Every structure is written in C-alpha cells, then in structure tokens.
C-alpha cells in the first residue's frame, strides 16, 4: 500500500488526533495493538517534528561576544550522520551517542542546534523507520530511551549563569506522557540564564501556588491536542488571578493550531519555536 507523505504532517499530538492514521498491518501479521496510548512512529515524530521545535519557548542562546559577529555554523547533520546516531542509540550506547553530539558541538555547532537537528533528527528517523517496517517497537523504545539519557548526560555542558533572568515553568498539558521536549527546553533555558522548573505532570494546585509565591516570568504548556482545554482554561485564569508577577506570560505550543483558543484565554500560541524565542526575549518581564 502506498503511503501518503501527508501522513507525516503532524496535525496533533494525542491519540485521538490520529484516529484512522495508524500504519496498516501487513496481510501476514495481526494488527498491532496500541502501545502506551500512541504508536512508536507517532511518539518519535511527536518528539522530533513537533514537541521539541514547537515547545522550545526559551530565550535564544547568545553564543557571540558583545561586539563580535556570530561564528559561522557548520552544515546541518546529513541523513547519514543522523542514521549513524540512530544505530548508536538503538544499540543502547549512551557514551557513543554523547560523543557523537559532543563532536558536532566541538566543530562549532550550537548546543541548541545539536539538540534540535541531531538528537531530534534521530527521533524522527526512528519513527520513519518504524513506519517503513525497518524498526520494531522495541528498537524505537530503546532508541528514544537512550536519547533521553543523552540529554541528561549533556547537561554538564550548561554554563552556570552569573545572574538569573527569572523563573520559567514548563509543563505538559493534562494527560500528556512524553516529556523529552520540555526537559531539553529546560536545559536550554538554564544555559541562556533562566531558572527552569520542569514539571512532567500537570498539577494545577501546585502550579498556582508557585506563581503566587515566586515571580514567574513565563509558564509554557505543551498542548498536543484540543481534547483537554477546559482544565487549561481554568488553570490559566487562576494563574492570572494569583500571579505575583503581574506581567506573567502564558505560552502554548503544540502541533494543533490553538491560536484562537490562546487569544480567548489571554495566552499566546506559537507554531514556530524561534518566533516564540524572539517574543520571549523581547517581552518577558517582571512587574511586582
């Protein structure tokens, strides 16, 4: 059966958004049962194509001296480069994967680009290979778990900021399970001089208590579908009412276009991560 390329356009991140889009099972095998509320192709593509770039709601890394032009960036990773990283992570070789990422950074690639293009590219390729029957569910699960470990190990590269620019809270929406993206984002925020509090579970009471007692600059929420808007609407309203910082910003990111919804609740939605970075850089403020 010929696969339509548009199947790889991510229009939402949750299970219900992909109704009717699961890979058809070959005639010689039984249909695969859903795993962990999404199949491996969707999980990998969500991480690489949508969550990471769309939820990178952080200050852009400043990698230039005050009076110098930015250093030229090396060419982005080629498909062969990414394929080699995929082989490494499927083999559970965390050290080898970290070495591959560090090698790119040592050649002048930014930390941000290494995560988005190289690590994210590996996650995307894993999903595509599963869709093409080149990888098993176990391969994809092992590969993504290794990528998680790579991100954790790479945290030693973070610069200790001399002075914090403020506190940013990052969390996933109600019912979300995949948190690699917000952990990557948290690392990049710290490197850029922010304090990042990454919360892999949506807990409304704890979130409201934090913004009421600390001057939070921004709350970033990963919204993969429009199926759980009611609790988010309620929470954003409570954030506005309780926030110690009168200028607190709420940013939504995700594959589903929530721009109209964001306007209704007094938040901002960015489909493009770098637009969000520019916005936060210019508009993130504290007013007590």
C-alpha atoms as a PDB file:
ATOM      1  CA  UNK A   1       0.000   0.000   0.000  1.00  0.00           C
ATOM      2  CA  UNK A   2       1.450   3.356  -0.965  1.00  0.00           C
ATOM      3  CA  UNK A   3       1.916   5.666   1.999  1.00  0.00           C
ATOM      4  CA  UNK A   4       0.806   9.260   1.587  1.00  0.00           C
ATOM      5  CA  UNK A   5       3.536  11.722   2.559  1.00  0.00           C
ATOM      6  CA  UNK A   6       0.962  13.929   4.222  1.00  0.00           C
ATOM      7  CA  UNK A   7       0.637  11.306   6.952  1.00  0.00           C
ATOM      8  CA  UNK A   8       3.862  12.735   8.337  1.00  0.00           C
ATOM      9  CA  UNK A   9       2.368  16.204   8.763  1.00  0.00           C
ATOM     10  CA  UNK A  10       1.614  16.382  12.449  1.00  0.00           C
ATOM     11  CA  UNK A  11      -1.790  17.948  12.994  1.00  0.00           C
ATOM     12  CA  UNK A  12      -1.999  16.964  16.653  1.00  0.00           C
ATOM     13  CA  UNK A  13      -0.051  15.018  19.199  1.00  0.00           C
ATOM     14  CA  UNK A  14      -2.614  12.987  21.094  1.00  0.00           C
ATOM     15  CA  UNK A  15      -4.046   9.567  20.450  1.00  0.00           C
ATOM     16  CA  UNK A  16      -7.447  10.850  19.389  1.00  0.00           C
ATOM     17  CA  UNK A  17      -5.936  13.217  16.853  1.00  0.00           C
ATOM     18  CA  UNK A  18      -4.561  10.305  14.875  1.00  0.00           C
ATOM     19  CA  UNK A  19      -7.744   8.306  14.510  1.00  0.00           C
ATOM     20  CA  UNK A  20      -7.547   6.421  11.248  1.00  0.00           C
ATOM     21  CA  UNK A  21      -3.845   7.171  10.717  1.00  0.00           C
ATOM     22  CA  UNK A  22      -2.229   4.104  12.283  1.00  0.00           C
ATOM     23  CA  UNK A  23       0.022   2.118   9.994  1.00  0.00           C
ATOM     24  CA  UNK A  24      -1.941  -0.622   8.202  1.00  0.00           C
ATOM     25  CA  UNK A  25      -0.783  -4.065   9.266  1.00  0.00           C
ATOM     26  CA  UNK A  26       0.665  -6.301   6.521  1.00  0.00           C
ATOM     27  CA  UNK A  27      -1.579  -9.182   5.452  1.00  0.00           C
ATOM     28  CA  UNK A  28       0.696 -11.765   7.017  1.00  0.00           C
ATOM     29  CA  UNK A  29       0.567 -10.375  10.560  1.00  0.00           C
ATOM     30  CA  UNK A  30      -2.058  -9.394  13.070  1.00  0.00           C
ATOM     31  CA  UNK A  31      -2.740  -5.673  13.556  1.00  0.00           C
ATOM     32  CA  UNK A  32      -0.558  -4.206  16.249  1.00  0.00           C
ATOM     33  CA  UNK A  33      -2.219  -3.160  19.451  1.00  0.00           C
ATOM     34  CA  UNK A  34      -1.755   0.437  20.631  1.00  0.00           C
ATOM     35  CA  UNK A  35       1.203   0.810  22.966  1.00  0.00           C
ATOM     36  CA  UNK A  36       1.465   3.441  25.696  1.00  0.00           C
ATOM     37  CA  UNK A  37      -1.509   5.301  24.161  1.00  0.00           C
ATOM     38  CA  UNK A  38       0.413   6.006  20.911  1.00  0.00           C
ATOM     39  CA  UNK A  39       2.397   4.009  18.421  1.00  0.00           C
ATOM     40  CA  UNK A  40       6.177   4.344  18.178  1.00  0.00           C
ATOM     41  CA  UNK A  41       6.102   6.253  14.887  1.00  0.00           C
ATOM     42  CA  UNK A  42       3.849   8.906  16.388  1.00  0.00           C
ATOM     43  CA  UNK A  43       5.878   9.098  19.589  1.00  0.00           C
ATOM     44  CA  UNK A  44       9.143   9.602  17.723  1.00  0.00           C
ATOM     45  CA  UNK A  45       7.684  12.079  15.231  1.00  0.00           C
ATOM     46  CA  UNK A  46       5.953  13.975  18.032  1.00  0.00           C
ATOM     47  CA  UNK A  47       9.259  14.358  19.853  1.00  0.00           C
ATOM     48  CA  UNK A  48      11.257  15.397  16.794  1.00  0.00           C
ATOM     49  CA  UNK A  49       8.825  17.173  14.485  1.00  0.00           C
ATOM     50  CA  UNK A  50       6.521  18.935  16.906  1.00  0.00           C
ATOM     51  CA  UNK A  51       7.144  18.936  20.615  1.00  0.00           C
ATOM     52  CA  UNK A  52      10.823  19.867  20.546  1.00  0.00           C
ATOM     53  CA  UNK A  53      10.647  22.700  17.988  1.00  0.00           C
ATOM     54  CA  UNK A  54       7.209  23.966  18.997  1.00  0.00           C
ATOM     55  CA  UNK A  55       7.831  23.929  22.736  1.00  0.00           C
ATOM     56  CA  UNK A  56      11.290  25.497  22.639  1.00  0.00           C
ATOM     57  CA  UNK A  57       9.821  28.529  24.415  1.00  0.00           C
ATOM     58  CA  UNK A  58      13.092  29.817  25.794  1.00  0.00           C
ATOM     59  CA  UNK A  59      15.485  32.692  25.353  1.00  0.00           C
ATOM     60  CA  UNK A  60      17.659  32.261  22.240  1.00  0.00           C
ATOM     61  CA  UNK A  61      21.162  31.188  23.142  1.00  0.00           C
ATOM     62  CA  UNK A  62      23.605  34.089  22.933  1.00  0.00           C
ATOM     63  CA  UNK A  63      26.754  32.498  21.543  1.00  0.00           C
ATOM     64  CA  UNK A  64      28.582  35.592  20.422  1.00  0.00           C
ATOM     65  CA  UNK A  65      30.751  38.145  22.180  1.00  0.00           C
ATOM     66  CA  UNK A  66      29.239  41.554  22.751  1.00  0.00           C
ATOM     67  CA  UNK A  67      30.996  43.236  19.830  1.00  0.00           C
ATOM     68  CA  UNK A  68      31.557  40.286  17.518  1.00  0.00           C
ATOM     69  CA  UNK A  69      29.588  38.711  14.707  1.00  0.00           C
ATOM     70  CA  UNK A  70      28.231  35.221  15.419  1.00  0.00           C
ATOM     71  CA  UNK A  71      30.557  32.393  14.482  1.00  0.00           C
ATOM     72  CA  UNK A  72      29.524  30.583  11.301  1.00  0.00           C
ATOM     73  CA  UNK A  73      27.585  27.411  11.940  1.00  0.00           C
ATOM     74  CA  UNK A  74      28.672  24.107  10.367  1.00  0.00           C
ATOM     75  CA  UNK A  75      26.407  22.358   7.907  1.00  0.00           C
ATOM     76  CA  UNK A  76      23.405  20.678   9.489  1.00  0.00           C
ATOM     77  CA  UNK A  77      23.650  16.927  10.058  1.00  0.00           C
ATOM     78  CA  UNK A  78      23.218  14.862   6.920  1.00  0.00           C
ATOM     79  CA  UNK A  79      20.869  11.857   6.723  1.00  0.00           C
ATOM     80  CA  UNK A  80      23.942   9.637   7.034  1.00  0.00           C
ATOM     81  CA  UNK A  81      25.028  11.474  10.188  1.00  0.00           C
ATOM     82  CA  UNK A  82      21.600  11.008  11.725  1.00  0.00           C
ATOM     83  CA  UNK A  83      21.417   7.367  10.629  1.00  0.00           C
ATOM     84  CA  UNK A  84      24.706   6.684  12.416  1.00  0.00           C
ATOM     85  CA  UNK A  85      23.327   8.225  15.601  1.00  0.00           C
ATOM     86  CA  UNK A  86      20.199   6.083  15.269  1.00  0.00           C
ATOM     87  CA  UNK A  87      22.312   2.923  15.088  1.00  0.00           C
ATOM     88  CA  UNK A  88      24.202   4.029  18.186  1.00  0.00           C
ATOM     89  CA  UNK A  89      21.127   4.747  20.304  1.00  0.00           C
ATOM     90  CA  UNK A  90      19.317   1.562  19.258  1.00  0.00           C
ATOM     91  CA  UNK A  91      22.415  -0.302  20.471  1.00  0.00           C
ATOM     92  CA  UNK A  92      21.947   1.455  23.856  1.00  0.00           C
ATOM     93  CA  UNK A  93      25.402   3.023  23.565  1.00  0.00           C
ATOM     94  CA  UNK A  94      24.838   6.194  25.576  1.00  0.00           C
ATOM     95  CA  UNK A  95      28.544   7.022  25.708  1.00  0.00           C
ATOM     96  CA  UNK A  96      28.856   6.701  21.944  1.00  0.00           C
ATOM     97  CA  UNK A  97      25.806   8.876  21.380  1.00  0.00           C
ATOM     98  CA  UNK A  98      27.086  11.567  23.752  1.00  0.00           C
ATOM     99  CA  UNK A  99      30.433  11.501  21.975  1.00  0.00           C
ATOM    100  CA  UNK A 100      28.697  11.991  18.618  1.00  0.00           C
ATOM    101  CA  UNK A 101      26.771  15.019  19.929  1.00  0.00           C
ATOM    102  CA  UNK A 102      29.865  16.494  21.566  1.00  0.00           C
ATOM    103  CA  UNK A 103      31.850  16.037  18.356  1.00  0.00           C
ATOM    104  CA  UNK A 104      29.374  18.218  16.484  1.00  0.00           C
ATOM    105  CA  UNK A 105      29.493  20.884  19.193  1.00  0.00           C
ATOM    106  CA  UNK A 106      33.308  20.825  19.166  1.00  0.00           C
ATOM    107  CA  UNK A 107      33.165  21.610  15.435  1.00  0.00           C
ATOM    108  CA  UNK A 108      31.191  24.764  16.143  1.00  0.00           C
ATOM    109  CA  UNK A 109      27.578  23.615  16.164  1.00  0.00           C
ATOM    110  CA  UNK A 110      25.458  25.284  18.835  1.00  0.00           C
ATOM    111  CA  UNK A 111      24.052  23.281  21.713  1.00  0.00           C
ATOM    112  CA  UNK A 112      20.565  24.236  20.563  1.00  0.00           C
ATOM    113  CA  UNK A 113      21.190  23.019  17.010  1.00  0.00           C
ATOM    114  CA  UNK A 114      22.726  19.781  18.267  1.00  0.00           C
ATOM    115  CA  UNK A 115      19.569  19.022  20.230  1.00  0.00           C
ATOM    116  CA  UNK A 116      17.028  20.155  17.651  1.00  0.00           C
ATOM    117  CA  UNK A 117      18.650  18.929  14.447  1.00  0.00           C
ATOM    118  CA  UNK A 118      20.790  15.990  15.521  1.00  0.00           C
ATOM    119  CA  UNK A 119      19.019  14.452  18.530  1.00  0.00           C
ATOM    120  CA  UNK A 120      15.616  15.484  17.187  1.00  0.00           C
ATOM    121  CA  UNK A 121      16.526  14.183  13.745  1.00  0.00           C
ATOM    122  CA  UNK A 122      17.377  10.800  15.247  1.00  0.00           C
ATOM    123  CA  UNK A 123      13.980  10.617  16.948  1.00  0.00           C
ATOM    124  CA  UNK A 124      12.248  11.495  13.694  1.00  0.00           C
ATOM    125  CA  UNK A 125      14.230   8.916  11.734  1.00  0.00           C
ATOM    126  CA  UNK A 126      13.355   6.226  14.274  1.00  0.00           C
ATOM    127  CA  UNK A 127       9.685   6.926  13.703  1.00  0.00           C
ATOM    128  CA  UNK A 128      10.029   6.893   9.929  1.00  0.00           C
ATOM    129  CA  UNK A 129      11.945   3.613  10.022  1.00  0.00           C
ATOM    130  CA  UNK A 130       9.247   2.009  12.145  1.00  0.00           C
ATOM    131  CA  UNK A 131       6.609   3.196   9.693  1.00  0.00           C
ATOM    132  CA  UNK A 132       8.585   1.596   6.861  1.00  0.00           C
ATOM    133  CA  UNK A 133       8.900  -1.709   8.779  1.00  0.00           C
ATOM    134  CA  UNK A 134      12.630  -1.183   9.259  1.00  0.00           C
ATOM    135  CA  UNK A 135      12.452  -0.969  13.050  1.00  0.00           C
ATOM    136  CA  UNK A 136      10.482  -2.815  15.698  1.00  0.00           C
ATOM    137  CA  UNK A 137       8.585  -1.239  18.559  1.00  0.00           C
ATOM    138  CA  UNK A 138      11.387  -2.392  20.868  1.00  0.00           C
ATOM    139  CA  UNK A 139      14.016  -0.665  18.692  1.00  0.00           C
ATOM    140  CA  UNK A 140      12.152   2.635  18.820  1.00  0.00           C
ATOM    141  CA  UNK A 141      11.518   2.391  22.559  1.00  0.00           C
ATOM    142  CA  UNK A 142      15.190   1.626  23.265  1.00  0.00           C
ATOM    143  CA  UNK A 143      16.354   4.357  20.914  1.00  0.00           C
ATOM    144  CA  UNK A 144      14.172   7.047  22.476  1.00  0.00           C
ATOM    145  CA  UNK A 145      15.145   5.967  25.986  1.00  0.00           C
ATOM    146  CA  UNK A 146      18.808   6.312  25.014  1.00  0.00           C
ATOM    147  CA  UNK A 147      18.145   9.782  23.607  1.00  0.00           C
ATOM    148  CA  UNK A 148      16.637  10.733  26.979  1.00  0.00           C
ATOM    149  CA  UNK A 149      19.850   9.609  28.665  1.00  0.00           C
ATOM    150  CA  UNK A 150      21.938  11.567  26.166  1.00  0.00           C
ATOM    151  CA  UNK A 151      20.066  14.764  27.021  1.00  0.00           C
ATOM    152  CA  UNK A 152      20.610  14.107  30.744  1.00  0.00           C
ATOM    153  CA  UNK A 153      24.335  13.485  30.304  1.00  0.00           C
ATOM    154  CA  UNK A 154      24.752  16.579  28.150  1.00  0.00           C
ATOM    155  CA  UNK A 155      23.567  18.810  30.976  1.00  0.00           C
ATOM    156  CA  UNK A 156      27.152  19.065  32.188  1.00  0.00           C
ATOM    157  CA  UNK A 157      27.742  21.413  29.237  1.00  0.00           C
ATOM    158  CA  UNK A 158      25.446  24.056  30.675  1.00  0.00           C
ATOM    159  CA  UNK A 159      27.048  27.321  31.634  1.00  0.00           C
ATOM    160  CA  UNK A 160      26.346  28.454  35.180  1.00  0.00           C
ATOM    161  CA  UNK A 161      24.631  31.811  34.694  1.00  0.00           C
ATOM    162  CA  UNK A 162      26.074  34.690  36.677  1.00  0.00           C
ATOM    163  CA  UNK A 163      22.656  36.185  37.302  1.00  0.00           C
ATOM    164  CA  UNK A 164      19.289  34.580  36.673  1.00  0.00           C
ATOM    165  CA  UNK A 165      16.980  36.296  34.194  1.00  0.00           C
ATOM    166  CA  UNK A 166      13.966  34.916  36.049  1.00  0.00           C
ATOM    167  CA  UNK A 167      11.971  31.750  36.602  1.00  0.00           C
ATOM    168  CA  UNK A 168      10.214  29.852  33.825  1.00  0.00           C
ATOM    169  CA  UNK A 169       7.821  26.957  34.464  1.00  0.00           C
ATOM    170  CA  UNK A 170       7.493  24.227  31.832  1.00  0.00           C
ATOM    171  CA  UNK A 171       4.856  21.540  31.912  1.00  0.00           C
ATOM    172  CA  UNK A 172       2.853  19.246  29.690  1.00  0.00           C
ATOM    173  CA  UNK A 173      -0.901  19.510  29.324  1.00  0.00           C
ATOM    174  CA  UNK A 174      -3.369  17.233  31.094  1.00  0.00           C
ATOM    175  CA  UNK A 175      -2.905  13.597  30.116  1.00  0.00           C
ATOM    176  CA  UNK A 176       0.411  14.099  28.286  1.00  0.00           C
ATOM    177  CA  UNK A 177       3.031  11.386  28.773  1.00  0.00           C
ATOM    178  CA  UNK A 178       6.024  12.352  26.620  1.00  0.00           C
ATOM    179  CA  UNK A 179       8.370  14.787  28.328  1.00  0.00           C
ATOM    180  CA  UNK A 180      11.666  14.690  26.428  1.00  0.00           C
ATOM    181  CA  UNK A 181      10.957  18.053  24.804  1.00  0.00           C
ATOM    182  CA  UNK A 182      10.337  20.033  27.972  1.00  0.00           C
ATOM    183  CA  UNK A 183      13.482  18.580  29.540  1.00  0.00           C
ATOM    184  CA  UNK A 184      15.511  19.709  26.529  1.00  0.00           C
ATOM    185  CA  UNK A 185      13.865  23.099  26.725  1.00  0.00           C
ATOM    186  CA  UNK A 186      14.653  23.362  30.419  1.00  0.00           C
ATOM    187  CA  UNK A 187      18.336  22.709  29.729  1.00  0.00           C
ATOM    188  CA  UNK A 188      18.437  25.403  27.063  1.00  0.00           C
ATOM    189  CA  UNK A 189      16.707  27.876  29.342  1.00  0.00           C
ATOM    190  CA  UNK A 190      19.319  27.291  32.057  1.00  0.00           C
ATOM    191  CA  UNK A 191      22.098  27.746  29.537  1.00  0.00           C
ATOM    192  CA  UNK A 192      20.553  31.033  28.464  1.00  0.00           C
ATOM    193  CA  UNK A 193      20.489  32.316  32.029  1.00  0.00           C
ATOM    194  CA  UNK A 194      16.971  31.455  33.163  1.00  0.00           C
ATOM    195  CA  UNK A 195      15.902  29.313  36.086  1.00  0.00           C
ATOM    196  CA  UNK A 196      13.807  26.479  34.633  1.00  0.00           C
ATOM    197  CA  UNK A 197      11.349  24.410  36.634  1.00  0.00           C
ATOM    198  CA  UNK A 198      10.324  21.401  34.523  1.00  0.00           C
ATOM    199  CA  UNK A 199       7.152  19.626  35.621  1.00  0.00           C
ATOM    200  CA  UNK A 200       6.296  16.435  33.725  1.00  0.00           C
ATOM    201  CA  UNK A 201       2.848  16.189  35.333  1.00  0.00           C
ATOM    202  CA  UNK A 202       0.039  18.747  35.102  1.00  0.00           C
ATOM    203  CA  UNK A 203      -0.771  19.692  38.717  1.00  0.00           C
ATOM    204  CA  UNK A 204      -2.985  22.771  38.828  1.00  0.00           C
ATOM    205  CA  UNK A 205      -2.836  23.465  42.576  1.00  0.00           C
ATOM    206  CA  UNK A 206       0.972  23.267  42.725  1.00  0.00           C
ATOM    207  CA  UNK A 207       1.318  25.460  39.640  1.00  0.00           C
ATOM    208  CA  UNK A 208      -0.952  28.169  41.035  1.00  0.00           C
ATOM    209  CA  UNK A 209       0.839  28.064  44.395  1.00  0.00           C
ATOM    210  CA  UNK A 210       4.196  28.573  42.661  1.00  0.00           C
ATOM    211  CA  UNK A 211       3.134  31.600  40.596  1.00  0.00           C
ATOM    212  CA  UNK A 212       1.537  33.114  43.708  1.00  0.00           C
ATOM    213  CA  UNK A 213       4.759  32.977  45.727  1.00  0.00           C
ATOM    214  CA  UNK A 214       7.507  33.387  43.106  1.00  0.00           C
ATOM    215  CA  UNK A 215       7.989  35.942  40.339  1.00  0.00           C
ATOM    216  CA  UNK A 216       7.481  33.574  37.403  1.00  0.00           C
ATOM    217  CA  UNK A 217       8.254  35.186  34.046  1.00  0.00           C
ATOM    218  CA  UNK A 218       6.633  32.596  31.820  1.00  0.00           C
ATOM    219  CA  UNK A 219       4.558  29.434  32.023  1.00  0.00           C
ATOM    220  CA  UNK A 220       4.972  27.192  28.959  1.00  0.00           C
ATOM    221  CA  UNK A 221       2.411  24.452  28.400  1.00  0.00           C
ATOM    222  CA  UNK A 222       2.717  21.652  25.856  1.00  0.00           C
ATOM    223  CA  UNK A 223      -0.736  21.235  24.323  1.00  0.00           C
ATOM    224  CA  UNK A 224      -0.738  18.326  21.927  1.00  0.00           C
ATOM    225  CA  UNK A 225      -4.478  18.204  21.285  1.00  0.00           C
ATOM    226  CA  UNK A 226      -7.588  20.260  21.904  1.00  0.00           C
ATOM    227  CA  UNK A 227      -9.209  17.491  23.961  1.00  0.00           C
ATOM    228  CA  UNK A 228      -8.311  18.871  27.400  1.00  0.00           C
ATOM    229  CA  UNK A 229      -8.946  22.592  27.029  1.00  0.00           C
ATOM    230  CA  UNK A 230     -11.285  23.014  29.999  1.00  0.00           C
ATOM    231  CA  UNK A 231      -8.701  22.374  32.750  1.00  0.00           C
ATOM    232  CA  UNK A 232      -6.154  24.525  30.911  1.00  0.00           C
ATOM    233  CA  UNK A 233      -8.651  27.399  30.622  1.00  0.00           C
ATOM    234  CA  UNK A 234      -9.373  27.172  34.349  1.00  0.00           C
ATOM    235  CA  UNK A 235      -5.692  26.974  35.251  1.00  0.00           C
ATOM    236  CA  UNK A 236      -4.678  29.955  33.101  1.00  0.00           C
ATOM    237  CA  UNK A 237      -7.412  32.023  34.740  1.00  0.00           C
ATOM    238  CA  UNK A 238      -6.144  31.072  38.184  1.00  0.00           C
ATOM    239  CA  UNK A 239      -2.570  31.870  37.150  1.00  0.00           C
ATOM    240  CA  UNK A 240      -3.622  35.359  36.071  1.00  0.00           C
ATOM    241  CA  UNK A 241      -5.531  35.945  39.301  1.00  0.00           C
ATOM    242  CA  UNK A 242      -2.861  34.646  41.670  1.00  0.00           C
ATOM    243  CA  UNK A 243       0.422  35.554  39.948  1.00  0.00           C
ATOM    244  CA  UNK A 244       2.945  37.576  41.935  1.00  0.00           C
ATOM    245  CA  UNK A 245       4.296  38.824  38.591  1.00  0.00           C
ATOM    246  CA  UNK A 246       1.536  40.929  37.053  1.00  0.00           C
ATOM    247  CA  UNK A 247       3.186  40.527  33.626  1.00  0.00           C
ATOM    248  CA  UNK A 248       3.398  36.731  33.704  1.00  0.00           C
ATOM    249  CA  UNK A 249       3.253  35.248  30.212  1.00  0.00           C
ATOM    250  CA  UNK A 250       1.498  32.003  29.313  1.00  0.00           C
ATOM    251  CA  UNK A 251       2.695  30.388  26.114  1.00  0.00           C
ATOM    252  CA  UNK A 252       1.102  27.373  24.439  1.00  0.00           C
ATOM    253  CA  UNK A 253       2.904  25.192  21.930  1.00  0.00           C
ATOM    254  CA  UNK A 254       1.970  22.087  20.010  1.00  0.00           C
ATOM    255  CA  UNK A 255       1.023  20.631  16.673  1.00  0.00           C
ATOM    256  CA  UNK A 256      -2.652  21.560  16.917  1.00  0.00           C
ATOM    257  CA  UNK A 257      -3.302  25.191  15.980  1.00  0.00           C
ATOM    258  CA  UNK A 258      -4.552  26.730  19.210  1.00  0.00           C
ATOM    259  CA  UNK A 259      -4.031  30.379  18.253  1.00  0.00           C
ATOM    260  CA  UNK A 260      -7.709  31.326  18.515  1.00  0.00           C
ATOM    261  CA  UNK A 261      -8.089  29.466  21.789  1.00  0.00           C
ATOM    262  CA  UNK A 262      -4.938  31.128  23.185  1.00  0.00           C
ATOM    263  CA  UNK A 263      -6.334  34.592  22.443  1.00  0.00           C
ATOM    264  CA  UNK A 264      -9.574  33.764  24.247  1.00  0.00           C
ATOM    265  CA  UNK A 265      -7.772  32.790  27.444  1.00  0.00           C
ATOM    266  CA  UNK A 266      -5.173  35.564  27.379  1.00  0.00           C
ATOM    267  CA  UNK A 267      -2.263  33.367  26.332  1.00  0.00           C
ATOM    268  CA  UNK A 268      -0.006  33.231  23.275  1.00  0.00           C
ATOM    269  CA  UNK A 269       0.406  30.386  20.810  1.00  0.00           C
ATOM    270  CA  UNK A 270       3.446  29.859  18.601  1.00  0.00           C
ATOM    271  CA  UNK A 271       3.647  27.186  15.944  1.00  0.00           C
ATOM    272  CA  UNK A 272       7.251  28.165  15.233  1.00  0.00           C
ATOM    273  CA  UNK A 273       9.662  27.859  18.127  1.00  0.00           C
ATOM    274  CA  UNK A 274      12.040  30.571  17.019  1.00  0.00           C
ATOM    275  CA  UNK A 275       9.252  33.134  16.787  1.00  0.00           C
ATOM    276  CA  UNK A 276       8.428  32.235  20.363  1.00  0.00           C
ATOM    277  CA  UNK A 277      12.065  32.685  21.371  1.00  0.00           C
ATOM    278  CA  UNK A 278      12.182  36.155  19.839  1.00  0.00           C
ATOM    279  CA  UNK A 279       8.912  37.090  21.533  1.00  0.00           C
ATOM    280  CA  UNK A 280      10.055  35.929  24.964  1.00  0.00           C
ATOM    281  CA  UNK A 281      13.392  37.677  24.562  1.00  0.00           C
ATOM    282  CA  UNK A 282      11.658  40.989  23.869  1.00  0.00           C
ATOM    283  CA  UNK A 283       8.594  40.709  26.086  1.00  0.00           C
ATOM    284  CA  UNK A 284       9.443  38.556  29.101  1.00  0.00           C
ATOM    285  CA  UNK A 285       9.207  40.933  32.065  1.00  0.00           C
ATOM    286  CA  UNK A 286       8.519  41.063  35.800  1.00  0.00           C
ATOM    287  CA  UNK A 287       6.146  43.595  37.339  1.00  0.00           C
ATOM    288  CA  UNK A 288       5.553  43.216  41.085  1.00  0.00           C
END
